[in-house]
Amino acid sequence: MIRILLGALGILMFVACRREPPASDREPGAGSRPLIFLALGDSLTVGDGVPSSESFPFRLRARLEASGRTVDLRVRARSGVRARELNDAILRRSEALAPDIVTLCIGTNDVVQGRNRVEFESDFDDTVAWLRARHIAPGRVLVLSLPDWSRQSPAAAYGHPDELEQRFADFNDALERASIQAGLRWVDLRGTMAEGYREGLVAGDGLHPSGAAYERWASALEPIVEAALRDSAGFK
């Protein structure tokens, strides 16, 4: 009799161990709850010069959905904005959002408009504070490097190519330092971006990437996003 009771208890324990985890513990987008993907930035996130479906956030969403996820994409971006305008005009309208994954691509307009790097770093810190207040896991915030288009012909309107190239390098260094310090996931796509420019993968304005170039961004980002979704460490 004791053996029978012990056997039944073992079966119950096994079944209990095999129960589905609570919905709150499941990986977002893999079950009934969609993964909320927040794309923050400027024209590089909007996808100036290409249909929105060819911008990198939409292409990345398509890749994630092809792997079986359900993705709710929220693009909070505007062409021409600097980091300060992103904070003042865009994030204020996104207070209710609680995203699972975030891409942040900001700083190009700060570079070309001659913004002071120290002020830019302060504005970036304000963006991090907004993310921190939403309790978003820092490892799920992907900060993208800025593409250096200083050698593109239309870039001459924004200054000497050598000076512009140095500013892009300086701002990328600042972004990398600030991202790592905040525990965010720094994503250095400069090699992929530069390759696209060398191959002429640009939109009609000669500065913004083409849809084919954004597809390369999305391809590089996909495994990083998948790794980020396994990161459950939150802000402290």
C-alpha atoms as a PDB file:
ATOM      1  CA  MET A   1       0.000   0.000   0.000  1.00  0.00           C
ATOM      2  CA  ILE A   2       2.824   2.373   0.894  1.00  0.00           C
ATOM      3  CA  ARG A   3       4.520   1.640  -2.440  1.00  0.00           C
ATOM      4  CA  ILE A   4       1.305   2.466  -4.302  1.00  0.00           C
ATOM      5  CA  LEU A   5       0.927   5.753  -2.429  1.00  0.00           C
ATOM      6  CA  LEU A   6       4.548   6.688  -3.097  1.00  0.00           C
ATOM      7  CA  GLY A   7       4.127   5.855  -6.764  1.00  0.00           C
ATOM      8  CA  ALA A   8       1.021   8.005  -7.043  1.00  0.00           C
ATOM      9  CA  LEU A   9       2.791  10.857  -5.263  1.00  0.00           C
ATOM     10  CA  GLY A  10       5.693  10.622  -7.713  1.00  0.00           C
ATOM     11  CA  ILE A  11       3.333  10.856 -10.677  1.00  0.00           C
ATOM     12  CA  LEU A  12       1.637  13.921  -9.189  1.00  0.00           C
ATOM     13  CA  MET A  13       4.994  15.583  -8.595  1.00  0.00           C
ATOM     14  CA  PHE A  14       6.062  14.859 -12.187  1.00  0.00           C
ATOM     15  CA  VAL A  15       2.843  16.334 -13.585  1.00  0.00           C
ATOM     16  CA  ALA A  16       3.236  19.396 -11.383  1.00  0.00           C
ATOM     17  CA  CYS A  17       6.754  19.945 -12.681  1.00  0.00           C
ATOM     18  CA  ARG A  18       5.502  19.750 -16.271  1.00  0.00           C
ATOM     19  CA  ARG A  19       2.792  22.387 -15.838  1.00  0.00           C
ATOM     20  CA  GLU A  20       2.922  25.418 -18.120  1.00  0.00           C
ATOM     21  CA  PRO A  21       4.645  28.454 -16.600  1.00  0.00           C
ATOM     22  CA  PRO A  22       2.489  31.471 -15.763  1.00  0.00           C
ATOM     23  CA  ALA A  23       1.837  33.807 -18.680  1.00  0.00           C
ATOM     24  CA  SER A  24       3.967  36.497 -17.021  1.00  0.00           C
ATOM     25  CA  ASP A  25       6.988  34.162 -17.103  1.00  0.00           C
ATOM     26  CA  ARG A  26       6.694  33.167 -20.745  1.00  0.00           C
ATOM     27  CA  GLU A  27       8.904  34.698 -23.381  1.00  0.00           C
ATOM     28  CA  PRO A  28       6.963  37.603 -24.954  1.00  0.00           C
ATOM     29  CA  GLY A  29       5.629  36.979 -28.430  1.00  0.00           C
ATOM     30  CA  ALA A  30       5.905  33.210 -28.113  1.00  0.00           C
ATOM     31  CA  GLY A  31       2.403  32.674 -26.722  1.00  0.00           C
ATOM     32  CA  SER A  32      -0.864  34.560 -26.674  1.00  0.00           C
ATOM     33  CA  ARG A  33       0.721  37.845 -25.543  1.00  0.00           C
ATOM     34  CA  PRO A  34       2.360  39.783 -28.383  1.00  0.00           C
ATOM     35  CA  LEU A  35       5.887  41.070 -28.092  1.00  0.00           C
ATOM     36  CA  ILE A  36       5.783  44.864 -27.897  1.00  0.00           C
ATOM     37  CA  PHE A  37       8.632  46.266 -29.991  1.00  0.00           C
ATOM     38  CA  LEU A  38       9.290  49.984 -29.527  1.00  0.00           C
ATOM     39  CA  ALA A  39      11.445  51.647 -32.204  1.00  0.00           C
ATOM     40  CA  LEU A  40      12.747  55.068 -31.130  1.00  0.00           C
ATOM     41  CA  GLY A  41      14.689  57.471 -33.293  1.00  0.00           C
ATOM     42  CA  ASP A  42      14.825  59.862 -36.203  1.00  0.00           C
ATOM     43  CA  SER A  43      14.638  59.482 -39.991  1.00  0.00           C
ATOM     44  CA  LEU A  44      16.816  56.357 -39.871  1.00  0.00           C
ATOM     45  CA  THR A  45      14.033  54.668 -37.904  1.00  0.00           C
ATOM     46  CA  VAL A  46      11.258  56.261 -39.966  1.00  0.00           C
ATOM     47  CA  GLY A  47      12.982  55.051 -43.123  1.00  0.00           C
ATOM     48  CA  ASP A  48      13.131  58.282 -45.112  1.00  0.00           C
ATOM     49  CA  GLY A  49      13.276  57.632 -48.844  1.00  0.00           C
ATOM     50  CA  VAL A  50      11.739  54.138 -48.714  1.00  0.00           C
ATOM     51  CA  PRO A  51       8.239  52.780 -47.984  1.00  0.00           C
ATOM     52  CA  SER A  52       7.721  52.245 -44.263  1.00  0.00           C
ATOM     53  CA  SER A  53       7.483  48.502 -44.898  1.00  0.00           C
ATOM     54  CA  GLU A  54      11.130  48.607 -46.009  1.00  0.00           C
ATOM     55  CA  SER A  55      12.436  50.450 -42.939  1.00  0.00           C
ATOM     56  CA  PHE A  56      14.522  48.425 -40.529  1.00  0.00           C
ATOM     57  CA  PRO A  57      11.866  48.184 -37.751  1.00  0.00           C
ATOM     58  CA  PHE A  58       9.304  46.694 -40.158  1.00  0.00           C
ATOM     59  CA  ARG A  59      11.870  44.370 -41.688  1.00  0.00           C
ATOM     60  CA  LEU A  60      12.969  43.255 -38.236  1.00  0.00           C
ATOM     61  CA  ARG A  61       9.357  42.651 -37.226  1.00  0.00           C
ATOM     62  CA  ALA A  62       8.865  40.499 -40.325  1.00  0.00           C
ATOM     63  CA  ARG A  63      11.901  38.408 -39.396  1.00  0.00           C
ATOM     64  CA  LEU A  64      10.730  37.932 -35.814  1.00  0.00           C
ATOM     65  CA  GLU A  65       7.238  36.969 -36.959  1.00  0.00           C
ATOM     66  CA  ALA A  66       8.693  34.499 -39.450  1.00  0.00           C
ATOM     67  CA  SER A  67      10.228  32.693 -36.481  1.00  0.00           C
ATOM     68  CA  GLY A  68       6.782  32.258 -34.930  1.00  0.00           C
ATOM     69  CA  ARG A  69       6.444  35.334 -32.728  1.00  0.00           C
ATOM     70  CA  THR A  70       3.560  37.777 -32.607  1.00  0.00           C
ATOM     71  CA  VAL A  71       4.961  41.309 -32.709  1.00  0.00           C
ATOM     72  CA  ASP A  72       3.210  44.578 -31.912  1.00  0.00           C
ATOM     73  CA  LEU A  73       5.475  47.227 -33.467  1.00  0.00           C
ATOM     74  CA  ARG A  74       5.249  50.787 -32.144  1.00  0.00           C
ATOM     75  CA  VAL A  75       7.381  53.295 -34.073  1.00  0.00           C
ATOM     76  CA  ARG A  76       8.029  56.480 -32.137  1.00  0.00           C
ATOM     77  CA  ALA A  77      10.297  58.401 -34.474  1.00  0.00           C
ATOM     78  CA  ARG A  78      10.348  61.620 -36.471  1.00  0.00           C
ATOM     79  CA  SER A  79      12.592  62.845 -39.238  1.00  0.00           C
ATOM     80  CA  GLY A  80      14.978  65.621 -38.242  1.00  0.00           C
ATOM     81  CA  VAL A  81      14.758  65.194 -34.471  1.00  0.00           C
ATOM     82  CA  ARG A  82      17.771  65.461 -32.208  1.00  0.00           C
ATOM     83  CA  ALA A  83      18.063  63.599 -28.926  1.00  0.00           C
ATOM     84  CA  ARG A  84      16.418  66.463 -27.029  1.00  0.00           C
ATOM     85  CA  GLU A  85      13.398  66.563 -29.341  1.00  0.00           C
ATOM     86  CA  LEU A  86      13.059  62.805 -29.030  1.00  0.00           C
ATOM     87  CA  ASN A  87      12.688  63.245 -25.286  1.00  0.00           C
ATOM     88  CA  ASP A  88      10.460  66.331 -25.407  1.00  0.00           C
ATOM     89  CA  ALA A  89       8.144  65.581 -28.315  1.00  0.00           C
ATOM     90  CA  ILE A  90       8.045  61.807 -28.669  1.00  0.00           C
ATOM     91  CA  LEU A  91       8.610  60.077 -25.353  1.00  0.00           C
ATOM     92  CA  ARG A  92       6.011  62.241 -23.629  1.00  0.00           C
ATOM     93  CA  ARG A  93       3.408  60.722 -25.956  1.00  0.00           C
ATOM     94  CA  SER A  94       4.564  57.202 -25.103  1.00  0.00           C
ATOM     95  CA  GLU A  95       4.093  57.249 -21.333  1.00  0.00           C
ATOM     96  CA  ALA A  96       1.708  54.282 -21.289  1.00  0.00           C
ATOM     97  CA  LEU A  97       3.983  51.977 -23.269  1.00  0.00           C
ATOM     98  CA  ALA A  98       5.582  48.966 -21.585  1.00  0.00           C
ATOM     99  CA  PRO A  99       7.726  47.468 -24.360  1.00  0.00           C
ATOM    100  CA  ASP A 100       9.513  44.127 -24.300  1.00  0.00           C
ATOM    101  CA  ILE A 101      12.256  45.205 -26.712  1.00  0.00           C
ATOM    102  CA  VAL A 102      13.489  48.658 -27.702  1.00  0.00           C
ATOM    103  CA  THR A 103      15.702  49.896 -30.517  1.00  0.00           C
ATOM    104  CA  LEU A 104      17.179  53.372 -30.164  1.00  0.00           C
ATOM    105  CA  CYS A 105      18.872  55.078 -33.095  1.00  0.00           C
ATOM    106  CA  ILE A 106      19.413  58.762 -32.357  1.00  0.00           C
ATOM    107  CA  GLY A 107      22.189  61.316 -32.788  1.00  0.00           C
ATOM    108  CA  THR A 108      22.670  61.856 -36.514  1.00  0.00           C
ATOM    109  CA  ASN A 109      20.912  65.230 -36.455  1.00  0.00           C
ATOM    110  CA  ASP A 110      22.927  66.224 -33.380  1.00  0.00           C
ATOM    111  CA  VAL A 111      26.058  65.478 -35.423  1.00  0.00           C
ATOM    112  CA  VAL A 112      25.147  67.400 -38.565  1.00  0.00           C
ATOM    113  CA  GLN A 113      23.621  70.359 -36.723  1.00  0.00           C
ATOM    114  CA  GLY A 114      26.823  70.925 -34.761  1.00  0.00           C
ATOM    115  CA  ARG A 115      25.368  69.999 -31.383  1.00  0.00           C
ATOM    116  CA  ASN A 116      27.733  69.954 -28.411  1.00  0.00           C
ATOM    117  CA  ARG A 117      28.617  66.362 -27.532  1.00  0.00           C
ATOM    118  CA  VAL A 118      28.318  66.970 -23.774  1.00  0.00           C
ATOM    119  CA  GLU A 119      24.756  68.265 -24.246  1.00  0.00           C
ATOM    120  CA  PHE A 120      23.983  65.258 -26.406  1.00  0.00           C
ATOM    121  CA  GLU A 121      25.226  62.911 -23.692  1.00  0.00           C
ATOM    122  CA  SER A 122      22.985  64.680 -21.172  1.00  0.00           C
ATOM    123  CA  ASP A 123      19.980  64.236 -23.466  1.00  0.00           C
ATOM    124  CA  PHE A 124      20.852  60.574 -23.927  1.00  0.00           C
ATOM    125  CA  ASP A 125      20.903  60.191 -20.142  1.00  0.00           C
ATOM    126  CA  ASP A 126      17.371  61.618 -20.059  1.00  0.00           C
ATOM    127  CA  THR A 127      16.273  58.940 -22.538  1.00  0.00           C
ATOM    128  CA  VAL A 128      17.831  56.274 -20.331  1.00  0.00           C
ATOM    129  CA  ALA A 129      15.955  57.720 -17.335  1.00  0.00           C
ATOM    130  CA  TRP A 130      12.679  57.409 -19.261  1.00  0.00           C
ATOM    131  CA  LEU A 131      13.459  53.758 -20.027  1.00  0.00           C
ATOM    132  CA  ARG A 132      14.489  53.153 -16.425  1.00  0.00           C
ATOM    133  CA  ALA A 133      11.166  54.541 -15.200  1.00  0.00           C
ATOM    134  CA  ARG A 134       9.387  51.957 -17.380  1.00  0.00           C
ATOM    135  CA  HIS A 135      11.378  49.132 -15.701  1.00  0.00           C
ATOM    136  CA  ILE A 136      12.582  47.884 -19.064  1.00  0.00           C
ATOM    137  CA  ALA A 137      15.382  45.364 -18.774  1.00  0.00           C
ATOM    138  CA  PRO A 138      18.527  47.238 -19.890  1.00  0.00           C
ATOM    139  CA  GLY A 139      19.675  44.238 -21.897  1.00  0.00           C
ATOM    140  CA  ARG A 140      16.519  44.590 -23.984  1.00  0.00           C
ATOM    141  CA  VAL A 141      17.366  48.129 -25.057  1.00  0.00           C
ATOM    142  CA  LEU A 142      19.416  48.024 -28.265  1.00  0.00           C
ATOM    143  CA  VAL A 143      21.332  51.224 -28.969  1.00  0.00           C
ATOM    144  CA  LEU A 144      22.375  51.351 -32.623  1.00  0.00           C
ATOM    145  CA  SER A 145      25.541  52.989 -33.869  1.00  0.00           C
ATOM    146  CA  LEU A 146      25.200  55.957 -36.202  1.00  0.00           C
ATOM    147  CA  PRO A 147      25.921  55.471 -39.901  1.00  0.00           C
ATOM    148  CA  ASP A 148      28.772  57.644 -41.162  1.00  0.00           C
ATOM    149  CA  TRP A 149      27.715  59.121 -44.484  1.00  0.00           C
ATOM    150  CA  SER A 150      30.358  61.872 -44.445  1.00  0.00           C
ATOM    151  CA  ARG A 151      31.780  60.684 -47.800  1.00  0.00           C
ATOM    152  CA  GLN A 152      28.444  60.740 -49.609  1.00  0.00           C
ATOM    153  CA  SER A 153      28.194  63.611 -52.115  1.00  0.00           C
ATOM    154  CA  PRO A 154      25.170  65.336 -50.484  1.00  0.00           C
ATOM    155  CA  ALA A 155      27.041  65.406 -47.143  1.00  0.00           C
ATOM    156  CA  ALA A 156      29.032  68.404 -48.387  1.00  0.00           C
ATOM    157  CA  ALA A 157      26.054  70.563 -47.424  1.00  0.00           C
ATOM    158  CA  TYR A 158      26.744  69.720 -43.768  1.00  0.00           C
ATOM    159  CA  GLY A 159      30.459  70.510 -43.624  1.00  0.00           C
ATOM    160  CA  HIS A 160      33.875  69.267 -44.660  1.00  0.00           C
ATOM    161  CA  PRO A 161      33.951  65.455 -45.003  1.00  0.00           C
ATOM    162  CA  ASP A 162      36.951  65.062 -42.677  1.00  0.00           C
ATOM    163  CA  GLU A 163      35.344  67.121 -39.915  1.00  0.00           C
ATOM    164  CA  LEU A 164      32.004  65.390 -40.348  1.00  0.00           C
ATOM    165  CA  GLU A 165      33.671  61.978 -40.245  1.00  0.00           C
ATOM    166  CA  GLN A 166      35.393  62.887 -36.973  1.00  0.00           C
ATOM    167  CA  ARG A 167      32.128  64.071 -35.447  1.00  0.00           C
ATOM    168  CA  PHE A 168      30.411  60.805 -36.357  1.00  0.00           C
ATOM    169  CA  ALA A 169      33.307  58.907 -34.749  1.00  0.00           C
ATOM    170  CA  ASP A 170      33.175  61.059 -31.604  1.00  0.00           C
ATOM    171  CA  PHE A 171      29.412  60.710 -31.195  1.00  0.00           C
ATOM    172  CA  ASN A 172      29.555  56.964 -31.766  1.00  0.00           C
ATOM    173  CA  ASP A 173      32.242  56.701 -29.088  1.00  0.00           C
ATOM    174  CA  ALA A 174      30.051  58.736 -26.731  1.00  0.00           C
ATOM    175  CA  LEU A 175      27.025  56.555 -27.474  1.00  0.00           C
ATOM    176  CA  GLU A 176      29.012  53.380 -26.869  1.00  0.00           C
ATOM    177  CA  ARG A 177      30.386  54.603 -23.538  1.00  0.00           C
ATOM    178  CA  ALA A 178      27.010  55.847 -22.293  1.00  0.00           C
ATOM    179  CA  SER A 179      25.218  52.677 -23.389  1.00  0.00           C
ATOM    180  CA  ILE A 180      27.674  50.353 -21.697  1.00  0.00           C
ATOM    181  CA  GLN A 181      27.696  52.472 -18.550  1.00  0.00           C
ATOM    182  CA  ALA A 182      23.878  52.266 -18.369  1.00  0.00           C
ATOM    183  CA  GLY A 183      23.937  48.520 -19.000  1.00  0.00           C
ATOM    184  CA  LEU A 184      22.208  48.858 -22.382  1.00  0.00           C
ATOM    185  CA  ARG A 185      23.016  46.614 -25.322  1.00  0.00           C
ATOM    186  CA  TRP A 186      25.362  48.501 -27.658  1.00  0.00           C
ATOM    187  CA  VAL A 187      24.935  47.326 -31.265  1.00  0.00           C
ATOM    188  CA  ASP A 188      27.802  48.368 -33.507  1.00  0.00           C
ATOM    189  CA  LEU A 189      26.562  48.133 -37.085  1.00  0.00           C
ATOM    190  CA  ARG A 190      29.157  50.485 -38.561  1.00  0.00           C
ATOM    191  CA  GLY A 191      30.709  47.753 -40.666  1.00  0.00           C
ATOM    192  CA  THR A 192      27.344  46.736 -42.121  1.00  0.00           C
ATOM    193  CA  MET A 193      26.367  50.360 -42.629  1.00  0.00           C
ATOM    194  CA  ALA A 194      29.639  51.299 -44.329  1.00  0.00           C
ATOM    195  CA  GLU A 195      29.392  48.287 -46.626  1.00  0.00           C
ATOM    196  CA  GLY A 196      25.945  49.434 -47.740  1.00  0.00           C
ATOM    197  CA  TYR A 197      27.252  52.884 -48.637  1.00  0.00           C
ATOM    198  CA  ARG A 198      30.215  51.413 -50.531  1.00  0.00           C
ATOM    199  CA  GLU A 199      27.811  49.285 -52.567  1.00  0.00           C
ATOM    200  CA  GLY A 200      25.514  52.216 -53.304  1.00  0.00           C
ATOM    201  CA  LEU A 201      22.598  50.909 -51.221  1.00  0.00           C
ATOM    202  CA  VAL A 202      21.136  54.360 -50.611  1.00  0.00           C
ATOM    203  CA  ALA A 203      17.769  56.043 -51.019  1.00  0.00           C
ATOM    204  CA  GLY A 204      17.129  58.744 -53.602  1.00  0.00           C
ATOM    205  CA  ASP A 205      18.576  61.500 -51.408  1.00  0.00           C
ATOM    206  CA  GLY A 206      22.002  59.845 -51.462  1.00  0.00           C
ATOM    207  CA  LEU A 207      22.223  59.845 -47.644  1.00  0.00           C
ATOM    208  CA  HIS A 208      19.633  57.520 -46.158  1.00  0.00           C
ATOM    209  CA  PRO A 209      19.925  53.740 -46.568  1.00  0.00           C
ATOM    210  CA  SER A 210      17.852  51.895 -49.135  1.00  0.00           C
ATOM    211  CA  GLY A 211      15.439  49.095 -48.342  1.00  0.00           C
ATOM    212  CA  ALA A 212      18.148  46.563 -49.203  1.00  0.00           C
ATOM    213  CA  ALA A 213      20.508  48.224 -46.733  1.00  0.00           C
ATOM    214  CA  TYR A 214      17.831  48.177 -44.015  1.00  0.00           C
ATOM    215  CA  GLU A 215      17.333  44.475 -44.680  1.00  0.00           C
ATOM    216  CA  ARG A 216      20.989  43.970 -43.783  1.00  0.00           C
ATOM    217  CA  TRP A 217      20.458  45.935 -40.586  1.00  0.00           C
ATOM    218  CA  ALA A 218      17.474  43.737 -39.712  1.00  0.00           C
ATOM    219  CA  SER A 219      19.439  40.583 -40.491  1.00  0.00           C
ATOM    220  CA  ALA A 220      22.221  41.668 -38.139  1.00  0.00           C
ATOM    221  CA  LEU A 221      19.751  42.733 -35.446  1.00  0.00           C
ATOM    222  CA  GLU A 222      17.592  39.605 -35.415  1.00  0.00           C
ATOM    223  CA  PRO A 223      19.964  37.301 -33.452  1.00  0.00           C
ATOM    224  CA  ILE A 224      20.792  40.168 -31.083  1.00  0.00           C
ATOM    225  CA  VAL A 225      17.097  40.688 -30.368  1.00  0.00           C
ATOM    226  CA  GLU A 226      16.611  36.974 -29.765  1.00  0.00           C
ATOM    227  CA  ALA A 227      19.494  37.038 -27.280  1.00  0.00           C
ATOM    228  CA  ALA A 228      18.116  40.183 -25.655  1.00  0.00           C
ATOM    229  CA  LEU A 229      14.720  38.562 -25.111  1.00  0.00           C
ATOM    230  CA  ARG A 230      16.417  35.978 -22.935  1.00  0.00           C
ATOM    231  CA  ASP A 231      17.790  38.758 -20.748  1.00  0.00           C
ATOM    232  CA  SER A 232      15.528  39.216 -17.728  1.00  0.00           C
ATOM    233  CA  ALA A 233      17.714  41.596 -15.709  1.00  0.00           C
ATOM    234  CA  GLY A 234      15.854  44.796 -14.950  1.00  0.00           C
ATOM    235  CA  PHE A 235      17.011  48.247 -13.953  1.00  0.00           C
ATOM    236  CA  LYS A 236      18.097  48.569 -10.339  1.00  0.00           C
END
